[in-house]
C-alpha atoms as a PDB file:
ATOM      1  CA  MET A   1      11.786  10.428   6.934  1.00  0.00           C
ATOM      2  CA  LEU A   2      11.775   6.707   6.216  1.00  0.00           C
ATOM      3  CA  ILE A   3      13.170   5.458   2.914  1.00  0.00           C
ATOM      4  CA  PHE A   4      10.486   2.739   2.762  1.00  0.00           C
ATOM      5  CA  ASP A   5       6.696   3.069   2.796  1.00  0.00           C
ATOM      6  CA  LEU A   6       5.746   1.166   5.948  1.00  0.00           C
ATOM      7  CA  ASP A   7       2.059   1.104   5.027  1.00  0.00           C
ATOM      8  CA  TYR A   8       2.922  -0.578   1.730  1.00  0.00           C
ATOM      9  CA  ILE A   9       5.158  -3.094   3.486  1.00  0.00           C
ATOM     10  CA  ARG A  10       2.361  -3.978   5.923  1.00  0.00           C
ATOM     11  CA  GLN A  11      -0.406  -4.113   3.331  1.00  0.00           C
ATOM     12  CA  HIS A  12       1.400  -5.930   0.511  1.00  0.00           C
ATOM     13  CA  LEU A  13       4.680  -7.563   1.499  1.00  0.00           C
ATOM     14  CA  THR A  14       4.276  -8.941   5.019  1.00  0.00           C
ATOM     15  CA  ASN A  15       0.509  -9.469   4.977  1.00  0.00           C
ATOM     16  CA  ASN A  16      -2.135 -10.869   2.664  1.00  0.00           C
ATOM     17  CA  GLN A  17      -5.338  -8.980   1.968  1.00  0.00           C
ATOM     18  CA  GLU A  18      -8.857 -10.344   1.859  1.00  0.00           C
ATOM     19  CA  ILE A  19     -12.073  -8.412   1.263  1.00  0.00           C
ATOM     20  CA  LYS A  20     -14.597  -9.053   4.029  1.00  0.00           C
ATOM     21  CA  VAL A  21     -18.107  -7.727   4.772  1.00  0.00           C
ATOM     22  CA  ASP A  22     -19.004  -6.359   8.205  1.00  0.00           C
ATOM     23  CA  THR A  23     -22.335  -6.577  10.024  1.00  0.00           C
ATOM     24  CA  ASN A  24     -23.503  -3.441   8.218  1.00  0.00           C
ATOM     25  CA  LYS A  25     -22.769  -5.107   4.883  1.00  0.00           C
ATOM     26  CA  LYS A  26     -19.874  -2.763   4.221  1.00  0.00           C
ATOM     27  CA  GLU A  27     -16.730  -4.150   2.660  1.00  0.00           C
ATOM     28  CA  PHE A  28     -13.396  -3.841   4.422  1.00  0.00           C
ATOM     29  CA  ILE A  29      -9.924  -5.219   3.856  1.00  0.00           C
ATOM     30  CA  GLU A  30      -8.646  -7.711   6.398  1.00  0.00           C
ATOM     31  CA  LEU A  31      -4.901  -8.241   6.698  1.00  0.00           C
ATOM     32  CA  SER A  32      -3.388 -11.591   7.684  1.00  0.00           C
ATOM     33  CA  LYS A  33       0.246 -12.462   8.264  1.00  0.00           C
ATOM     34  CA  VAL A  34       2.095 -14.052   5.370  1.00  0.00           C
ATOM     35  CA  PRO A  35       2.760 -17.633   6.502  1.00  0.00           C
ATOM     36  CA  TYR A  36       6.340 -18.338   7.591  1.00  0.00           C
ATOM     37  CA  ARG A  37       7.288 -14.661   7.516  1.00  0.00           C
ATOM     38  CA  TRP A  38       8.540 -15.244  11.058  1.00  0.00           C
ATOM     39  CA  THR A  39      11.350 -17.436   9.707  1.00  0.00           C
ATOM     40  CA  HIS A  40      12.655 -14.340   7.921  1.00  0.00           C
ATOM     41  CA  GLY A  41      12.387 -12.183  11.039  1.00  0.00           C
ATOM     42  CA  ALA A  42       9.716 -10.151   9.248  1.00  0.00           C
ATOM     43  CA  THR A  43       6.880  -8.327  11.026  1.00  0.00           C
ATOM     44  CA  ASP A  44       4.073  -6.034   9.925  1.00  0.00           C
ATOM     45  CA  LEU A  45       6.540  -3.201   9.402  1.00  0.00           C
ATOM     46  CA  SER A  46       9.863  -4.972   8.878  1.00  0.00           C
ATOM     47  CA  LEU A  47      11.077  -7.056   5.935  1.00  0.00           C
ATOM     48  CA  GLY A  48      13.601  -8.950   8.050  1.00  0.00           C
ATOM     49  CA  ASP A  49      16.136 -10.753   5.879  1.00  0.00           C
ATOM     50  CA  GLY A  50      13.906  -9.925   2.913  1.00  0.00           C
ATOM     51  CA  LEU A  51      15.562  -6.513   3.002  1.00  0.00           C
ATOM     52  CA  LEU A  52      18.918  -8.146   2.234  1.00  0.00           C
ATOM     53  CA  ILE A  53      17.442 -10.002  -0.725  1.00  0.00           C
ATOM     54  CA  TYR A  54      15.714  -6.866  -1.998  1.00  0.00           C
ATOM     55  CA  SER A  55      18.953  -4.882  -1.744  1.00  0.00           C
ATOM     56  CA  ILE A  56      21.066  -7.490  -3.537  1.00  0.00           C
ATOM     57  CA  ILE A  57      18.599  -7.852  -6.392  1.00  0.00           C
ATOM     58  CA  HIS A  58      18.355  -4.084  -6.704  1.00  0.00           C
ATOM     59  CA  TYR A  59      22.120  -3.555  -6.532  1.00  0.00           C
ATOM     60  CA  MET A  60      23.022  -6.392  -8.915  1.00  0.00           C
ATOM     61  CA  ARG A  61      20.245  -5.492 -11.395  1.00  0.00           C
ATOM     62  CA  ALA A  62      18.947  -9.072 -11.251  1.00  0.00           C
ATOM     63  CA  LYS A  63      16.193  -9.808 -13.756  1.00  0.00           C
ATOM     64  CA  VAL A  64      15.693 -13.581 -13.602  1.00  0.00           C
ATOM     65  CA  CYS A  65      14.904 -14.506 -10.004  1.00  0.00           C
ATOM     66  CA  VAL A  66      14.127 -18.064  -8.894  1.00  0.00           C
ATOM     67  CA  CYS A  67      12.724 -19.098  -5.518  1.00  0.00           C
ATOM     68  CA  LEU A  68      12.816 -22.799  -4.634  1.00  0.00           C
ATOM     69  CA  GLY A  69      10.105 -23.371  -2.049  1.00  0.00           C
ATOM     70  CA  SER A  70       7.897 -20.774  -0.364  1.00  0.00           C
ATOM     71  CA  GLY A  71       4.984 -21.476   1.950  1.00  0.00           C
ATOM     72  CA  GLY A  72       3.573 -17.963   1.861  1.00  0.00           C
ATOM     73  CA  GLY A  73       5.275 -16.388  -1.115  1.00  0.00           C
ATOM     74  CA  PHE A  74       7.204 -13.888   1.020  1.00  0.00           C
ATOM     75  CA  ILE A  75      10.539 -14.002  -0.824  1.00  0.00           C
ATOM     76  CA  PRO A  76       8.977 -14.076  -4.330  1.00  0.00           C
ATOM     77  CA  ARG A  77       7.127 -10.862  -3.376  1.00  0.00           C
ATOM     78  CA  ILE A  78      10.447  -9.283  -2.494  1.00  0.00           C
ATOM     79  CA  MET A  79      11.961 -10.463  -5.767  1.00  0.00           C
ATOM     80  CA  THR A  80       9.173  -8.977  -7.858  1.00  0.00           C
ATOM     81  CA  GLN A  81       9.101  -5.743  -5.855  1.00  0.00           C
ATOM     82  CA  ALA A  82      12.834  -5.257  -6.370  1.00  0.00           C
ATOM     83  CA  ARG A  83      12.510  -5.786 -10.125  1.00  0.00           C
ATOM     84  CA  VAL A  84       9.585  -3.382 -10.417  1.00  0.00           C
ATOM     85  CA  ASP A  85      11.411  -0.797  -8.328  1.00  0.00           C
ATOM     86  CA  LEU A  86      14.429  -1.084 -10.625  1.00  0.00           C
ATOM     87  CA  TYR A  87      12.147   0.018 -13.443  1.00  0.00           C
ATOM     88  CA  ASP A  88      10.475   2.782 -11.454  1.00  0.00           C
ATOM     89  CA  SER A  89      13.886   4.110 -10.389  1.00  0.00           C
ATOM     90  CA  GLN A  90      14.862   4.269 -14.076  1.00  0.00           C
ATOM     91  CA  ILE A  91      17.451   1.486 -14.004  1.00  0.00           C
ATOM     92  CA  PHE A  92      15.416  -0.970 -16.081  1.00  0.00           C
ATOM     93  CA  GLU A  93      13.843   0.403 -19.238  1.00  0.00           C
ATOM     94  CA  GLY A  94      11.243  -0.758 -21.748  1.00  0.00           C
ATOM     95  CA  ASP A  95       8.056  -2.681 -20.948  1.00  0.00           C
ATOM     96  CA  ARG A  96       7.121  -2.782 -17.228  1.00  0.00           C
ATOM     97  CA  ASP A  97       5.030  -5.970 -17.582  1.00  0.00           C
ATOM     98  CA  PHE A  98       5.770  -8.235 -14.598  1.00  0.00           C
ATOM     99  CA  ASN A  99       6.421 -11.381 -16.650  1.00  0.00           C
ATOM    100  CA  TRP A 100       6.659 -10.627 -20.336  1.00  0.00           C
ATOM    101  CA  GLY A 101       8.250  -7.184 -20.346  1.00  0.00           C
ATOM    102  CA  ASP A 102      11.814  -5.989 -19.898  1.00  0.00           C
ATOM    103  CA  ILE A 103      12.063  -6.174 -16.103  1.00  0.00           C
ATOM    104  CA  GLY A 104      12.611  -9.929 -15.905  1.00  0.00           C
ATOM    105  CA  THR A 105      10.664 -12.686 -14.192  1.00  0.00           C
ATOM    106  CA  THR A 106      10.099 -14.211 -10.769  1.00  0.00           C
ATOM    107  CA  TYR A 107       9.861 -18.019 -10.857  1.00  0.00           C
ATOM    108  CA  LEU A 108       8.459 -19.913  -7.870  1.00  0.00           C
ATOM    109  CA  VAL A 109       9.066 -23.665  -7.743  1.00  0.00           C
ATOM    110  CA  ASP A 110       7.164 -25.635  -5.113  1.00  0.00           C
ATOM    111  CA  ALA A 111       5.659 -29.119  -5.228  1.00  0.00           C
ATOM    112  CA  SER A 112       2.970 -27.887  -2.788  1.00  0.00           C
ATOM    113  CA  ASN A 113       2.694 -31.396  -1.372  1.00  0.00           C
ATOM    114  CA  GLY A 114       2.633 -30.489   2.317  1.00  0.00           C
ATOM    115  CA  VAL A 115       6.172 -31.728   2.959  1.00  0.00           C
ATOM    116  CA  GLY A 116       8.089 -29.189   5.047  1.00  0.00           C
ATOM    117  CA  GLY A 117       5.155 -26.806   5.233  1.00  0.00           C
ATOM    118  CA  ASN A 118       1.944 -25.841   3.496  1.00  0.00           C
ATOM    119  CA  THR A 119       1.312 -23.290   0.763  1.00  0.00           C
ATOM    120  CA  ASP A 120      -1.544 -20.762   0.769  1.00  0.00           C
ATOM    121  CA  TRP A 121      -1.089 -19.251  -2.696  1.00  0.00           C
ATOM    122  CA  VAL A 122      -1.787 -22.134  -5.115  1.00  0.00           C
ATOM    123  CA  LYS A 123      -5.112 -20.703  -6.299  1.00  0.00           C
ATOM    124  CA  LYS A 124      -4.604 -18.196  -9.095  1.00  0.00           C
ATOM    125  CA  ASP A 125      -6.840 -15.660  -7.358  1.00  0.00           C
ATOM    126  CA  SER A 126      -4.765 -15.687  -4.163  1.00  0.00           C
ATOM    127  CA  PHE A 127      -3.629 -12.233  -3.071  1.00  0.00           C
ATOM    128  CA  PHE A 128       0.013 -13.115  -3.721  1.00  0.00           C
ATOM    129  CA  ARG A 129      -0.485 -14.374  -7.271  1.00  0.00           C
ATOM    130  CA  LYS A 130      -2.903 -11.693  -8.463  1.00  0.00           C
ATOM    131  CA  THR A 131      -0.729  -8.931  -6.985  1.00  0.00           C
ATOM    132  CA  PHE A 132       2.810 -10.066  -7.857  1.00  0.00           C
ATOM    133  CA  PHE A 133       2.193 -12.380 -10.834  1.00  0.00           C
ATOM    134  CA  PRO A 134       4.978 -14.942 -10.324  1.00  0.00           C
ATOM    135  CA  ARG A 135       5.457 -17.755 -12.805  1.00  0.00           C
ATOM    136  CA  VAL A 136       4.527 -20.752 -10.675  1.00  0.00           C
ATOM    137  CA  ILE A 137       5.874 -24.255 -11.260  1.00  0.00           C
ATOM    138  CA  LEU A 138       4.012 -26.792  -9.109  1.00  0.00           C
ATOM    139  CA  GLU A 139       6.665 -29.486  -9.286  1.00  0.00           C
ATOM    140  CA  THR A 140       9.588 -30.863  -7.342  1.00  0.00           C
ATOM    141  CA  THR A 141      12.728 -28.808  -7.750  1.00  0.00           C
ATOM    142  CA  GLU A 142      14.455 -31.707  -9.502  1.00  0.00           C
ATOM    143  CA  ASN A 143      11.708 -32.112 -12.104  1.00  0.00           C
ATOM    144  CA  ALA A 144      11.513 -28.364 -12.626  1.00  0.00           C
ATOM    145  CA  TYR A 145      15.262 -28.217 -13.210  1.00  0.00           C
ATOM    146  CA  TYR A 146      15.386 -30.885 -15.918  1.00  0.00           C
ATOM    147  CA  ASN A 147      11.994 -30.347 -17.528  1.00  0.00           C
ATOM    148  CA  PHE A 148      11.778 -26.565 -17.468  1.00  0.00           C
ATOM    149  CA  PHE A 149      14.910 -24.580 -16.662  1.00  0.00           C
ATOM    150  CA  VAL A 150      17.332 -26.785 -18.626  1.00  0.00           C
ATOM    151  CA  LYS A 151      15.001 -27.273 -21.570  1.00  0.00           C
ATOM    152  CA  GLU A 152      14.296 -23.542 -21.805  1.00  0.00           C
ATOM    153  CA  ASP A 153      18.000 -22.709 -21.286  1.00  0.00           C
ATOM    154  CA  ILE A 154      17.238 -20.229 -18.506  1.00  0.00           C
ATOM    155  CA  LYS A 155      20.082 -18.432 -16.755  1.00  0.00           C
ATOM    156  CA  ILE A 156      19.451 -17.276 -13.189  1.00  0.00           C
ATOM    157  CA  ASP A 157      20.565 -13.921 -11.774  1.00  0.00           C
ATOM    158  CA  TYR A 158      19.273 -14.530  -8.247  1.00  0.00           C
ATOM    159  CA  LEU A 159      18.509 -17.946  -6.732  1.00  0.00           C
ATOM    160  CA  HIS A 160      16.897 -18.497  -3.325  1.00  0.00           C
ATOM    161  CA  ILE A 161      17.009 -22.043  -1.909  1.00  0.00           C
ATOM    162  CA  ASP A 162      14.278 -22.836   0.623  1.00  0.00           C
ATOM    163  CA  ALA A 163      12.634 -26.099  -0.511  1.00  0.00           C
ATOM    164  CA  GLY A 164      13.473 -29.478   1.057  1.00  0.00           C
ATOM    165  CA  HIS A 165      15.527 -29.005   4.228  1.00  0.00           C
ATOM    166  CA  THR A 166      17.335 -32.311   4.520  1.00  0.00           C
ATOM    167  CA  TYR A 167      21.012 -32.152   3.651  1.00  0.00           C
ATOM    168  CA  GLU A 168      20.396 -34.314   0.588  1.00  0.00           C
ATOM    169  CA  ASP A 169      17.613 -32.043  -0.664  1.00  0.00           C
ATOM    170  CA  VAL A 170      19.478 -28.784  -0.122  1.00  0.00           C
ATOM    171  CA  LYS A 171      22.676 -30.141  -1.663  1.00  0.00           C
ATOM    172  CA  GLN A 172      20.819 -31.422  -4.707  1.00  0.00           C
ATOM    173  CA  ASP A 173      19.101 -28.068  -5.234  1.00  0.00           C
ATOM    174  CA  PHE A 174      22.415 -26.265  -4.887  1.00  0.00           C
ATOM    175  CA  ASP A 175      24.328 -28.630  -7.162  1.00  0.00           C
ATOM    176  CA  LEU A 176      21.696 -28.486  -9.887  1.00  0.00           C
ATOM    177  CA  TYR A 177      20.607 -24.874  -9.942  1.00  0.00           C
ATOM    178  CA  SER A 178      24.062 -23.367  -9.371  1.00  0.00           C
ATOM    179  CA  LYS A 179      24.900 -24.653 -12.851  1.00  0.00           C
ATOM    180  CA  LEU A 180      22.357 -22.183 -14.236  1.00  0.00           C
ATOM    181  CA  LEU A 181      23.768 -19.046 -12.625  1.00  0.00           C
ATOM    182  CA  SER A 182      24.534 -16.083 -14.843  1.00  0.00           C
ATOM    183  CA  PRO A 183      28.112 -14.694 -14.611  1.00  0.00           C
ATOM    184  CA  ASN A 184      27.208 -12.319 -11.759  1.00  0.00           C
ATOM    185  CA  GLY A 185      24.613 -14.632 -10.226  1.00  0.00           C
ATOM    186  CA  ILE A 186      23.902 -14.700  -6.507  1.00  0.00           C
ATOM    187  CA  ILE A 187      22.549 -17.558  -4.364  1.00  0.00           C
ATOM    188  CA  SER A 188      20.886 -17.276  -0.974  1.00  0.00           C
ATOM    189  CA  ILE A 189      20.173 -20.255   1.268  1.00  0.00           C
ATOM    190  CA  HIS A 190      17.541 -19.863   3.976  1.00  0.00           C
ATOM    191  CA  ASP A 191      17.484 -21.445   7.467  1.00  0.00           C
ATOM    192  CA  THR A 192      21.237 -21.689   8.025  1.00  0.00           C
ATOM    193  CA  ASP A 193      21.518 -20.413  11.625  1.00  0.00           C
ATOM    194  CA  GLU A 194      21.834 -23.401  13.962  1.00  0.00           C
ATOM    195  CA  SER A 195      21.531 -21.200  17.066  1.00  0.00           C
ATOM    196  CA  PHE A 196      17.954 -20.278  16.134  1.00  0.00           C
ATOM    197  CA  GLU A 197      16.851 -23.889  16.020  1.00  0.00           C
ATOM    198  CA  LYS A 198      18.615 -24.804  19.267  1.00  0.00           C
ATOM    199  CA  GLU A 199      16.596 -22.154  21.109  1.00  0.00           C
ATOM    200  CA  LEU A 200      13.286 -22.643  19.280  1.00  0.00           C
ATOM    201  CA  ILE A 201      10.465 -24.241  21.248  1.00  0.00           C
ATOM    202  CA  VAL A 202       8.757 -26.667  18.881  1.00  0.00           C
ATOM    203  CA  THR A 203       5.061 -27.460  19.325  1.00  0.00           C
ATOM    204  CA  ASP A 204       3.297 -30.638  18.327  1.00  0.00           C
ATOM    205  CA  GLU A 205       1.607 -28.773  15.469  1.00  0.00           C
ATOM    206  CA  ILE A 206       4.947 -27.759  13.987  1.00  0.00           C
ATOM    207  CA  LYS A 207       6.202 -31.334  14.300  1.00  0.00           C
ATOM    208  CA  LYS A 208       3.168 -32.562  12.406  1.00  0.00           C
ATOM    209  CA  ASP A 209       4.006 -29.936   9.789  1.00  0.00           C
ATOM    210  CA  ASP A 210       7.450 -31.554   9.475  1.00  0.00           C
ATOM    211  CA  HIS A 211       9.037 -28.172  10.097  1.00  0.00           C
ATOM    212  CA  GLN A 212      11.330 -29.202  12.934  1.00  0.00           C
ATOM    213  CA  GLU A 213      15.097 -29.397  12.441  1.00  0.00           C
ATOM    214  CA  ILE A 214      14.829 -26.690   9.815  1.00  0.00           C
ATOM    215  CA  THR A 215      18.489 -25.677   9.889  1.00  0.00           C
ATOM    216  CA  ASN A 216      20.228 -29.071   9.899  1.00  0.00           C
ATOM    217  CA  GLY A 217      20.492 -29.580   6.145  1.00  0.00           C
ATOM    218  CA  PRO A 218      21.120 -25.963   5.110  1.00  0.00           C
ATOM    219  CA  SER A 219      23.752 -25.345   7.803  1.00  0.00           C
ATOM    220  CA  LYS A 220      25.582 -28.595   6.989  1.00  0.00           C
ATOM    221  CA  LEU A 221      25.797 -27.645   3.318  1.00  0.00           C
ATOM    222  CA  VAL A 222      27.090 -24.157   4.138  1.00  0.00           C
ATOM    223  CA  LYS A 223      29.808 -25.609   6.382  1.00  0.00           C
ATOM    224  CA  GLU A 224      30.802 -27.943   3.557  1.00  0.00           C
ATOM    225  CA  LEU A 225      30.921 -25.099   1.030  1.00  0.00           C
ATOM    226  CA  SER A 226      33.053 -22.967   3.352  1.00  0.00           C
ATOM    227  CA  ASP A 227      35.944 -25.281   2.453  1.00  0.00           C
ATOM    228  CA  ASP A 228      35.234 -24.910  -1.271  1.00  0.00           C
ATOM    229  CA  SER A 229      37.466 -22.263  -2.842  1.00  0.00           C
ATOM    230  CA  ASP A 230      35.000 -21.835  -5.701  1.00  0.00           C
ATOM    231  CA  TRP A 231      32.538 -19.890  -3.541  1.00  0.00           C
ATOM    232  CA  GLU A 232      32.506 -16.689  -1.537  1.00  0.00           C
ATOM    233  CA  ILE A 233      30.208 -17.072   1.449  1.00  0.00           C
ATOM    234  CA  PHE A 234      28.691 -14.626   3.931  1.00  0.00           C
ATOM    235  CA  ASN A 235      26.347 -15.604   6.757  1.00  0.00           C
ATOM    236  CA  PHE A 236      23.729 -13.134   7.966  1.00  0.00           C
ATOM    237  CA  PHE A 237      22.627 -14.220  11.444  1.00  0.00           C
ATOM    238  CA  ASN A 238      20.795 -11.826  13.781  1.00  0.00           C
ATOM    239  CA  ASN A 239      19.373 -14.287  16.308  1.00  0.00           C
ATOM    240  CA  GLY A 240      19.864 -12.982  19.846  1.00  0.00           C
ATOM    241  CA  ILE A 241      20.815  -9.397  18.993  1.00  0.00           C
ATOM    242  CA  PHE A 242      17.465  -8.229  20.346  1.00  0.00           C
ATOM    243  CA  LYS A 243      16.003 -11.202  22.182  1.00  0.00           C
ATOM    244  CA  SER A 244      12.580  -9.570  22.541  1.00  0.00           C
ATOM    245  CA  LYS A 245      12.216  -9.078  18.767  1.00  0.00           C
ATOM    246  CA  PRO A 246      11.715 -11.572  15.910  1.00  0.00           C
ATOM    247  CA  ALA A 247      14.891 -12.843  14.264  1.00  0.00           C
ATOM    248  CA  SER A 248      15.702 -14.636  11.046  1.00  0.00           C
ATOM    249  CA  THR A 249      16.408 -18.357  10.927  1.00  0.00           C
ATOM    250  CA  GLY A 250      19.526 -17.384   9.021  1.00  0.00           C
ATOM    251  CA  LEU A 251      20.406 -16.314   5.512  1.00  0.00           C
ATOM    252  CA  THR A 252      23.629 -17.263   3.745  1.00  0.00           C
ATOM    253  CA  ILE A 253      24.716 -15.451   0.575  1.00  0.00           C
ATOM    254  CA  LEU A 254      27.009 -17.101  -1.982  1.00  0.00           C
ATOM    255  CA  GLN A 255      28.676 -15.945  -5.158  1.00  0.00           C
ATOM    256  CA  ARG A 256      31.068 -17.854  -7.353  1.00  0.00           C
ATOM    257  CA  CYS A 257      34.658 -16.636  -6.977  1.00  0.00           C
ATOM    258  CA  LYS A 258      36.054 -14.702  -9.919  1.00  0.00           C
ATOM    259  CA  LYS A 259      39.056 -16.435 -11.480  1.00  0.00           C
END
């Protein structure tokens, strides 16, 4: 027996739902792939590297989760699901409210300006927002850091970096937001596997979307941090293990070394 509900994964986590009407004027639910889920190696029935993020949040009892950048809201869904499941498995107690209760909050920061990819969840009635209720900050990560997280003195238990992909952007996000980590805080950086990009066939449409060279900045930062004794680093790369199946563009997990 599977430990996860594959129907729930397909209907809520890796797909969006939209109510449609057929030729007989009967309503039905149409599923559509969450944009960019492929970069996580996710499919209809598999969470890809989202399973790693879910497991870490669940294991570390992370309440305040922050996602920097998300075209389809895939990782913020995982964050919220992990927090809710911590309550339902009787680890978290109190009020189960997604944002104002005792199970923490999922923050999503994205300028939604079309740079590096497009977002499909900006409208408040989007499937993602009305199902998982993230707190959305439609701003650059830099502005959100100074004008929200710092001013509200927020400490982060789990941080996912997936916004601007140039080295300068990724480094700035890391340098700023790592200052807000709680004592047991975890950081994940997406798109860190250079081998994925070297093999990826890029179409003109993707180039227009400015989504080429997705691993250059993240992988350069990770290499730089590997020489920094302040951080423990583990790379999760599964590209090429099963060449006929989707693979992640790479996920790197970091935690500050205990001294």
